[in-house]
Amino acid sequence: MNKSDLSEELAKRAKITKKLANQVITLFTDIVREKVNEGEKVTIVGFGTFKAKHRKPKAVRNPRTEKRMIIPASRVPVFTVGKLFKEEVNNKFLHNQNETREQEKIE
C-alpha cells in the first residue's frame, strides 16, 4: 500500500475527499519528521513510537580490499512497534498458520 492507496482508504472510512485525506497524511508525516528531528519521541499508544537514535562511529573492513575504514557517527530515525500492534499481527499470523494446517489435514 502506498500513500495514494492510504489516502483513498482514509477518504472512504472518514467520508472525506481524497484530497483532504492526502493533506492529513502529509501533515502527519511532516509533524512526525519535525518532532523526531528536534529530538522528541512521537508515541501513538497501541501503534508505536518514532524517534531518532544515535549510532556510534564504527570500524569496518572492506572485504574486497581488506582496507579498514571508519563509518562516522550518525543519527537515524527508528520506529518501534507498539505491543498491541505487534500482538495483532502475530495473532493474525498464528490464525492463518492454523487454518493452513487444518486444510492440509483435510487434503
N, C-alpha and C. Protein backbone atom coordinates (compact mmCIF):
# COMPACT_ATOMS: atom_id res chain seq x y z
N MET A 1 0.86 -1.17 0.00
CA MET A 1 0.00 0.00 0.00
C MET A 1 0.90 1.23 0.00
N ASN A 2 0.66 2.14 -0.92
CA ASN A 2 1.43 3.38 -0.97
C ASN A 2 0.58 4.54 -0.43
N LYS A 3 1.14 5.75 -0.48
CA LYS A 3 0.45 6.92 0.08
C LYS A 3 -0.89 7.16 -0.62
N SER A 4 -0.93 6.98 -1.92
CA SER A 4 -2.17 7.20 -2.67
C SER A 4 -3.25 6.20 -2.24
N ASP A 5 -2.86 4.94 -2.08
CA ASP A 5 -3.81 3.91 -1.62
C ASP A 5 -4.30 4.23 -0.21
N LEU A 6 -3.37 4.66 0.64
CA LEU A 6 -3.72 5.01 2.02
C LEU A 6 -4.69 6.19 2.04
N SER A 7 -4.44 7.19 1.21
CA SER A 7 -5.33 8.36 1.11
C SER A 7 -6.73 7.93 0.71
N GLU A 8 -6.79 7.03 -0.26
CA GLU A 8 -8.09 6.55 -0.74
C GLU A 8 -8.84 5.81 0.36
N GLU A 9 -8.14 4.94 1.09
CA GLU A 9 -8.76 4.18 2.18
C GLU A 9 -9.22 5.11 3.30
N LEU A 10 -8.38 6.07 3.66
CA LEU A 10 -8.74 7.05 4.70
C LEU A 10 -9.96 7.86 4.27
N ALA A 11 -9.98 8.28 3.02
CA ALA A 11 -11.11 9.06 2.50
C ALA A 11 -12.41 8.28 2.60
N LYS A 12 -12.37 7.00 2.23
CA LYS A 12 -13.57 6.16 2.31
C LYS A 12 -14.06 6.01 3.74
N ARG A 13 -13.14 5.65 4.64
CA ARG A 13 -13.53 5.38 6.03
C ARG A 13 -13.97 6.63 6.78
N ALA A 14 -13.32 7.76 6.52
CA ALA A 14 -13.64 9.00 7.23
C ALA A 14 -14.70 9.82 6.50
N LYS A 15 -15.11 9.33 5.32
CA LYS A 15 -16.10 10.04 4.49
C LYS A 15 -15.65 11.47 4.21
N ILE A 16 -14.40 11.59 3.75
CA ILE A 16 -13.84 12.88 3.35
C ILE A 16 -13.28 12.74 1.94
N THR A 17 -12.88 13.86 1.35
CA THR A 17 -12.34 13.78 -0.01
C THR A 17 -10.94 13.16 0.04
N LYS A 18 -10.54 12.60 -1.09
CA LYS A 18 -9.21 12.02 -1.19
C LYS A 18 -8.15 13.11 -1.03
N LYS A 19 -8.44 14.30 -1.54
CA LYS A 19 -7.51 15.42 -1.43
C LYS A 19 -7.28 15.78 0.04
N LEU A 20 -8.36 15.85 0.82
CA LEU A 20 -8.24 16.16 2.24
C LEU A 20 -7.49 15.04 2.97
N ALA A 21 -7.79 13.80 2.63
CA ALA A 21 -7.11 12.66 3.25
C ALA A 21 -5.61 12.73 2.97
N ASN A 22 -5.25 13.07 1.75
CA ASN A 22 -3.84 13.20 1.37
C ASN A 22 -3.16 14.31 2.18
N GLN A 23 -3.87 15.42 2.39
CA GLN A 23 -3.33 16.53 3.18
C GLN A 23 -3.11 16.11 4.63
N VAL A 24 -4.04 15.34 5.18
CA VAL A 24 -3.92 14.86 6.56
C VAL A 24 -2.69 13.97 6.70
N ILE A 25 -2.51 13.05 5.77
CA ILE A 25 -1.35 12.15 5.82
C ILE A 25 -0.05 12.95 5.68
N THR A 26 -0.03 13.91 4.77
CA THR A 26 1.17 14.75 4.59
C THR A 26 1.48 15.53 5.86
N LEU A 27 0.46 16.13 6.47
CA LEU A 27 0.67 16.86 7.72
C LEU A 27 1.18 15.94 8.82
N PHE A 28 0.61 14.76 8.93
CA PHE A 28 1.04 13.80 9.94
C PHE A 28 2.52 13.46 9.78
N THR A 29 2.92 13.10 8.56
CA THR A 29 4.32 12.72 8.33
C THR A 29 5.25 13.92 8.53
N ASP A 30 4.81 15.12 8.15
CA ASP A 30 5.63 16.32 8.36
C ASP A 30 5.85 16.57 9.85
N ILE A 31 4.80 16.45 10.64
CA ILE A 31 4.90 16.68 12.08
C ILE A 31 5.81 15.64 12.73
N VAL A 32 5.64 14.38 12.37
CA VAL A 32 6.49 13.32 12.92
C VAL A 32 7.95 13.60 12.58
N ARG A 33 8.23 13.93 11.31
CA ARG A 33 9.60 14.24 10.89
C ARG A 33 10.19 15.40 11.69
N GLU A 34 9.40 16.47 11.81
CA GLU A 34 9.83 17.66 12.56
C GLU A 34 10.20 17.32 13.99
N LYS A 35 9.29 16.65 14.68
CA LYS A 35 9.49 16.35 16.10
C LYS A 35 10.67 15.40 16.31
N VAL A 36 10.81 14.40 15.47
CA VAL A 36 11.94 13.46 15.59
C VAL A 36 13.25 14.21 15.33
N ASN A 37 13.27 15.10 14.33
CA ASN A 37 14.47 15.91 14.06
C ASN A 37 14.83 16.83 15.22
N GLU A 38 13.82 17.23 16.00
CA GLU A 38 14.05 18.08 17.18
C GLU A 38 14.46 17.25 18.40
N GLY A 39 14.53 15.94 18.24
CA GLY A 39 14.95 15.07 19.34
C GLY A 39 13.81 14.53 20.19
N GLU A 40 12.58 14.79 19.78
CA GLU A 40 11.42 14.30 20.53
C GLU A 40 11.00 12.92 20.06
N LYS A 41 10.31 12.21 20.95
CA LYS A 41 9.68 10.94 20.59
C LYS A 41 8.24 11.23 20.23
N VAL A 42 7.72 10.53 19.25
CA VAL A 42 6.30 10.64 18.90
C VAL A 42 5.70 9.26 19.14
N THR A 43 4.84 9.16 20.16
CA THR A 43 4.26 7.87 20.53
C THR A 43 2.78 7.86 20.24
N ILE A 44 2.34 6.82 19.55
CA ILE A 44 0.92 6.59 19.32
C ILE A 44 0.63 5.27 20.04
N VAL A 45 -0.02 5.38 21.20
CA VAL A 45 -0.25 4.22 22.06
C VAL A 45 -0.96 3.12 21.28
N GLY A 46 -0.45 1.92 21.38
CA GLY A 46 -1.03 0.77 20.69
C GLY A 46 -0.51 0.59 19.28
N PHE A 47 0.16 1.61 18.74
CA PHE A 47 0.69 1.54 17.37
C PHE A 47 2.21 1.49 17.36
N GLY A 48 2.84 2.51 17.96
CA GLY A 48 4.29 2.51 18.00
C GLY A 48 4.88 3.87 18.32
N THR A 49 6.23 3.93 18.30
CA THR A 49 6.96 5.14 18.64
C THR A 49 7.99 5.46 17.57
N PHE A 50 8.00 6.71 17.15
CA PHE A 50 9.01 7.22 16.22
C PHE A 50 10.03 8.00 17.05
N LYS A 51 11.32 7.79 16.80
CA LYS A 51 12.35 8.55 17.50
C LYS A 51 13.65 8.51 16.70
N ALA A 52 14.61 9.34 17.11
CA ALA A 52 15.93 9.33 16.48
C ALA A 52 16.88 8.57 17.40
N LYS A 53 17.77 7.80 16.80
CA LYS A 53 18.73 7.02 17.58
C LYS A 53 20.13 7.43 17.14
N HIS A 54 21.02 7.57 18.11
CA HIS A 54 22.40 7.92 17.82
C HIS A 54 23.20 6.64 17.57
N ARG A 55 23.90 6.61 16.46
CA ARG A 55 24.80 5.48 16.17
C ARG A 55 26.23 5.93 16.38
N LYS A 56 26.99 5.14 17.11
CA LYS A 56 28.39 5.44 17.37
C LYS A 56 29.21 5.20 16.11
N PRO A 57 30.40 5.82 16.03
CA PRO A 57 31.27 5.51 14.90
C PRO A 57 31.68 4.04 14.96
N LYS A 58 31.92 3.47 13.81
CA LYS A 58 32.16 2.03 13.76
C LYS A 58 33.33 1.73 12.82
N ALA A 59 34.27 0.90 13.29
CA ALA A 59 35.40 0.47 12.45
C ALA A 59 34.96 -0.75 11.65
N VAL A 60 35.17 -0.70 10.34
CA VAL A 60 34.80 -1.81 9.47
C VAL A 60 35.95 -2.12 8.51
N ARG A 61 35.83 -3.25 7.83
CA ARG A 61 36.84 -3.66 6.86
C ARG A 61 36.16 -3.96 5.55
N ASN A 62 36.69 -3.40 4.47
CA ASN A 62 36.18 -3.69 3.13
C ASN A 62 36.61 -5.10 2.76
N PRO A 63 35.69 -6.03 2.52
CA PRO A 63 36.07 -7.42 2.24
C PRO A 63 36.88 -7.59 0.94
N ARG A 64 36.71 -6.70 -0.02
CA ARG A 64 37.45 -6.81 -1.28
C ARG A 64 38.90 -6.35 -1.15
N THR A 65 39.06 -5.20 -0.50
CA THR A 65 40.41 -4.60 -0.45
C THR A 65 41.12 -4.84 0.88
N GLU A 66 40.39 -5.35 1.87
CA GLU A 66 40.91 -5.56 3.23
C GLU A 66 41.24 -4.23 3.93
N LYS A 67 40.90 -3.12 3.29
CA LYS A 67 41.19 -1.81 3.86
C LYS A 67 40.23 -1.51 5.02
N ARG A 68 40.79 -1.04 6.12
CA ARG A 68 39.97 -0.68 7.29
C ARG A 68 39.49 0.77 7.12
N MET A 69 38.28 1.01 7.56
CA MET A 69 37.74 2.36 7.48
C MET A 69 36.80 2.60 8.65
N ILE A 70 36.48 3.85 8.89
CA ILE A 70 35.59 4.23 9.98
C ILE A 70 34.29 4.78 9.39
N ILE A 71 33.19 4.21 9.83
CA ILE A 71 31.88 4.78 9.48
C ILE A 71 31.58 5.81 10.57
N PRO A 72 31.37 7.07 10.19
CA PRO A 72 31.18 8.12 11.20
C PRO A 72 29.88 7.95 12.00
N ALA A 73 29.84 8.60 13.15
CA ALA A 73 28.63 8.61 13.97
C ALA A 73 27.50 9.26 13.18
N SER A 74 26.28 8.84 13.48
CA SER A 74 25.12 9.42 12.79
C SER A 74 23.87 9.29 13.65
N ARG A 75 22.85 10.02 13.25
CA ARG A 75 21.52 9.88 13.86
C ARG A 75 20.61 9.28 12.81
N VAL A 76 19.83 8.29 13.20
CA VAL A 76 18.92 7.63 12.26
C VAL A 76 17.52 7.58 12.85
N PRO A 77 16.50 7.69 12.00
CA PRO A 77 15.13 7.55 12.51
C PRO A 77 14.83 6.07 12.78
N VAL A 78 14.07 5.84 13.85
CA VAL A 78 13.72 4.48 14.26
C VAL A 78 12.23 4.44 14.57
N PHE A 79 11.58 3.34 14.18
CA PHE A 79 10.18 3.12 14.56
C PHE A 79 10.13 1.85 15.38
N THR A 80 9.59 1.93 16.59
CA THR A 80 9.43 0.77 17.45
C THR A 80 7.94 0.42 17.48
N VAL A 81 7.63 -0.79 17.10
CA VAL A 81 6.23 -1.24 17.03
C VAL A 81 5.65 -1.35 18.44
N GLY A 82 4.42 -0.87 18.61
CA GLY A 82 3.73 -0.96 19.89
C GLY A 82 3.28 -2.39 20.18
N LYS A 83 3.13 -2.69 21.45
CA LYS A 83 2.78 -4.04 21.90
C LYS A 83 1.47 -4.53 21.27
N LEU A 84 0.44 -3.71 21.29
CA LEU A 84 -0.87 -4.11 20.76
C LEU A 84 -0.79 -4.43 19.27
N PHE A 85 -0.12 -3.57 18.51
CA PHE A 85 0.04 -3.77 17.06
C PHE A 85 0.81 -5.07 16.79
N LYS A 86 1.88 -5.27 17.54
CA LYS A 86 2.70 -6.47 17.38
C LYS A 86 1.87 -7.73 17.67
N GLU A 87 1.07 -7.69 18.73
CA GLU A 87 0.22 -8.83 19.10
C GLU A 87 -0.83 -9.10 18.03
N GLU A 88 -1.44 -8.03 17.48
CA GLU A 88 -2.45 -8.21 16.43
C GLU A 88 -1.86 -8.90 15.20
N VAL A 89 -0.68 -8.45 14.78
CA VAL A 89 -0.02 -9.04 13.61
C VAL A 89 0.33 -10.50 13.89
N ASN A 90 0.87 -10.78 15.07
CA ASN A 90 1.25 -12.15 15.41
C ASN A 90 0.03 -13.06 15.51
N ASN A 91 -1.05 -12.57 16.12
CA ASN A 91 -2.27 -13.38 16.24
C ASN A 91 -2.85 -13.70 14.87
N LYS A 92 -2.83 -12.75 13.96
CA LYS A 92 -3.32 -12.97 12.59
C LYS A 92 -2.45 -14.03 11.91
N PHE A 93 -1.12 -13.94 12.10
CA PHE A 93 -0.20 -14.91 11.52
C PHE A 93 -0.48 -16.30 12.07
N LEU A 94 -0.64 -16.42 13.39
CA LEU A 94 -0.90 -17.72 14.00
C LEU A 94 -2.23 -18.29 13.54
N HIS A 95 -3.24 -17.43 13.41
CA HIS A 95 -4.56 -17.86 12.94
C HIS A 95 -4.45 -18.42 11.52
N ASN A 96 -3.75 -17.70 10.64
CA ASN A 96 -3.57 -18.15 9.25
C ASN A 96 -2.78 -19.45 9.19
N GLN A 97 -1.79 -19.57 10.06
CA GLN A 97 -0.97 -20.78 10.09
C GLN A 97 -1.82 -21.99 10.51
N ASN A 98 -2.69 -21.80 11.50
CA ASN A 98 -3.57 -22.88 11.95
C ASN A 98 -4.56 -23.28 10.86
N GLU A 99 -5.09 -22.28 10.13
CA GLU A 99 -6.01 -22.58 9.03
C GLU A 99 -5.32 -23.41 7.96
N THR A 100 -4.07 -23.07 7.65
CA THR A 100 -3.31 -23.81 6.64
C THR A 100 -3.12 -25.25 7.08
N ARG A 101 -2.80 -25.46 8.34
CA ARG A 101 -2.62 -26.83 8.87
C ARG A 101 -3.91 -27.63 8.77
N GLU A 102 -5.04 -26.97 9.09
CA GLU A 102 -6.33 -27.65 9.02
C GLU A 102 -6.64 -28.06 7.58
N GLN A 103 -6.35 -27.19 6.62
CA GLN A 103 -6.58 -27.51 5.21
C GLN A 103 -5.70 -28.66 4.76
N GLU A 104 -4.46 -28.71 5.25
CA GLU A 104 -3.54 -29.79 4.87
C GLU A 104 -4.05 -31.13 5.41
N LYS A 105 -4.67 -31.12 6.59
CA LYS A 105 -5.22 -32.35 7.17
C LYS A 105 -6.38 -32.87 6.33
N ILE A 106 -7.20 -31.95 5.81
CA ILE A 106 -8.36 -32.31 5.00
C ILE A 106 -7.92 -32.94 3.69
N GLU A 107 -6.89 -32.39 3.08
CA GLU A 107 -6.41 -32.88 1.79
C GLU A 107 -5.67 -34.14 2.01
